[in-house]
Amino acid sequence: MVENVPPSQVWEALKTDPSAQLVDVRTDPEWNFVGIPDLAEAGKQAVLIPWQSYPAMQLNARFTDQLRDAGFTPEHRIYFLCRSGARSLAAAQAAQAAGFPHAYNVADGFEGPPDARGHRGTSAGWKAEGLPWRQK
């Protein structure tokens, strides 16, 4: 079972736990046009591995292989992030099934759900909590 972890708690883990890493599973356009978490203060950088491939949005068949290629081991505490928490939950479940027992979902993702005006990034998620991010 994958635990949903609030973004502020993930940020604290990234700053204090050497085995904690953030994997952003969004797509190239999202990274390029929406932004990415800025982990410089934690002495880390987000690992960008798409869960799905844009524009067809088919599953990335090499996802777990790419986690291993990026140097992840079963000892890492891996926090998965997407736009709103749905793709990252699926990615964390796949990671656990592939032998990464410490896989977590970043609750509400990078932008969270749309607010009353249909805008993301204002009511919940990494950006709404005021955590560091930057344009790629």
Protein backbone atom coordinates (compact mmCIF):
# COMPACT_ATOMS: atom_id res chain seq x y z
CA MET A 1 0.00 0.00 0.00
CA VAL A 2 1.38 3.38 -1.03
CA GLU A 3 1.22 6.15 1.55
CA ASN A 4 0.15 9.65 0.48
CA VAL A 5 2.56 12.14 2.04
CA PRO A 6 1.83 15.90 2.23
CA PRO A 7 4.28 18.02 0.19
CA SER A 8 5.63 19.85 3.25
CA GLN A 9 6.48 16.52 4.90
CA VAL A 10 8.20 15.37 1.69
CA TRP A 11 10.24 18.61 1.65
CA GLU A 12 11.39 17.97 5.24
CA ALA A 13 12.35 14.39 4.38
CA LEU A 14 14.32 15.58 1.34
CA LYS A 15 16.23 18.06 3.50
CA THR A 16 16.97 15.68 6.39
CA ASP A 17 17.09 12.12 5.03
CA PRO A 18 20.04 11.29 2.74
CA SER A 19 18.12 8.31 1.32
CA ALA A 20 15.09 10.42 0.34
CA GLN A 21 14.73 11.32 -3.34
CA LEU A 22 12.02 12.93 -5.45
CA VAL A 23 10.99 11.45 -8.80
CA ASP A 24 8.84 13.73 -10.95
CA VAL A 25 6.79 11.48 -13.26
CA ARG A 26 5.15 14.19 -15.36
CA THR A 27 5.84 14.75 -19.06
CA ASP A 28 8.40 16.92 -20.87
CA PRO A 29 5.84 19.65 -21.65
CA GLU A 30 4.81 19.82 -17.98
CA TRP A 31 8.43 20.10 -16.83
CA ASN A 32 9.20 22.71 -19.48
CA PHE A 33 6.09 24.88 -19.22
CA VAL A 34 4.74 24.38 -15.67
CA GLY A 35 8.01 24.06 -13.73
CA ILE A 36 9.81 21.57 -11.51
CA PRO A 37 10.55 21.35 -7.79
CA ASP A 38 13.77 23.16 -6.92
CA LEU A 39 15.62 20.95 -4.45
CA ALA A 40 18.85 22.98 -4.35
CA GLU A 41 18.32 23.93 -0.70
CA ALA A 42 18.16 20.21 0.11
CA GLY A 43 21.34 19.57 -1.90
CA LYS A 44 19.42 17.42 -4.38
CA GLN A 45 17.63 17.65 -7.67
CA ALA A 46 14.41 16.08 -8.83
CA VAL A 47 14.85 12.99 -10.99
CA LEU A 48 12.69 13.35 -14.10
CA ILE A 49 11.29 10.02 -15.32
CA PRO A 50 7.95 10.18 -17.16
CA TRP A 51 5.27 7.68 -16.18
CA GLN A 52 3.59 8.26 -19.53
CA SER A 53 4.91 9.50 -22.86
CA TYR A 54 3.49 12.68 -24.37
CA PRO A 55 1.43 13.17 -26.53
CA ALA A 56 -0.14 9.69 -26.78
CA MET A 57 0.17 9.23 -22.98
CA GLN A 58 1.04 5.54 -23.25
CA LEU A 59 2.70 4.03 -20.19
CA ASN A 60 6.48 4.19 -20.09
CA ALA A 61 7.35 0.48 -20.37
CA ARG A 62 10.88 1.16 -19.12
CA PHE A 63 9.83 3.12 -16.03
CA THR A 64 11.18 0.75 -13.37
CA ASP A 65 14.30 0.07 -15.45
CA GLN A 66 14.86 3.83 -15.58
CA LEU A 67 14.58 4.01 -11.80
CA ARG A 68 17.37 1.43 -11.55
CA ASP A 69 19.37 3.23 -14.27
CA ALA A 70 19.09 6.43 -12.19
CA GLY A 71 20.77 4.59 -9.31
CA PHE A 72 17.79 3.88 -7.10
CA THR A 73 18.02 0.88 -4.79
CA PRO A 74 15.50 -0.75 -2.43
CA GLU A 75 17.04 1.29 0.41
CA HIS A 76 16.01 4.64 -1.10
CA ARG A 77 12.92 6.44 0.15
CA ILE A 78 11.39 7.52 -3.16
CA TYR A 79 8.70 10.18 -3.29
CA PHE A 80 6.77 10.27 -6.57
CA LEU A 81 5.24 13.51 -7.86
CA CYS A 82 2.91 14.34 -10.76
CA ARG A 83 0.43 17.15 -11.42
CA SER A 84 -2.28 16.11 -8.97
CA GLY A 85 -1.22 12.81 -7.37
CA ALA A 86 -2.89 10.25 -9.66
CA ARG A 87 -0.05 9.27 -12.02
CA SER A 88 2.46 9.42 -9.18
CA LEU A 89 0.32 7.01 -7.14
CA ALA A 90 0.36 4.52 -10.04
CA ALA A 91 4.13 5.03 -10.43
CA ALA A 92 4.73 4.44 -6.72
CA GLN A 93 2.63 1.26 -6.85
CA ALA A 94 4.68 0.03 -9.82
CA ALA A 95 7.90 0.88 -7.99
CA GLN A 96 6.81 -1.09 -4.92
CA ALA A 97 5.88 -4.06 -7.13
CA ALA A 98 9.33 -3.84 -8.77
CA GLY A 99 11.18 -4.11 -5.45
CA PHE A 100 11.32 -0.53 -4.15
CA PRO A 101 9.48 -0.93 -0.82
CA HIS A 102 9.87 2.70 0.31
CA ALA A 103 7.83 4.32 -2.47
CA TYR A 104 5.49 7.16 -1.53
CA ASN A 105 3.03 9.41 -3.34
CA VAL A 106 3.25 13.20 -2.95
CA ALA A 107 -0.33 14.07 -1.98
CA ASP A 108 -1.97 16.55 -4.39
CA GLY A 109 1.13 16.55 -6.61
CA PHE A 110 2.84 19.65 -7.98
CA GLU A 111 -0.28 21.68 -8.82
CA GLY A 112 -3.14 20.06 -6.91
CA PRO A 113 -6.78 20.11 -7.95
CA PRO A 114 -8.40 23.02 -9.78
CA ASP A 115 -9.80 25.78 -7.58
CA ALA A 116 -13.27 27.33 -7.98
CA ARG A 117 -12.02 29.30 -11.02
CA GLY A 118 -10.45 26.23 -12.63
CA HIS A 119 -6.85 27.20 -11.82
CA ARG A 120 -4.33 24.72 -10.45
CA GLY A 121 -1.49 25.48 -8.07
CA THR A 122 -3.54 27.63 -5.71
CA SER A 123 -5.41 25.33 -3.30
CA ALA A 124 -3.18 22.29 -2.66
CA GLY A 125 0.04 20.64 -3.77
CA TRP A 126 3.74 21.55 -3.91
CA LYS A 127 3.26 25.02 -5.43
CA ALA A 128 0.28 25.99 -3.25
CA GLU A 129 2.27 25.09 -0.12
CA GLY A 130 4.92 27.60 -1.17
CA LEU A 131 7.66 25.01 -1.60
CA PRO A 132 10.58 25.89 -3.88
CA TRP A 133 10.16 25.40 -7.60
CA ARG A 134 11.56 26.87 -10.79
CA GLN A 135 10.98 27.00 -14.50
CA LYS A 136 13.09 24.37 -16.25
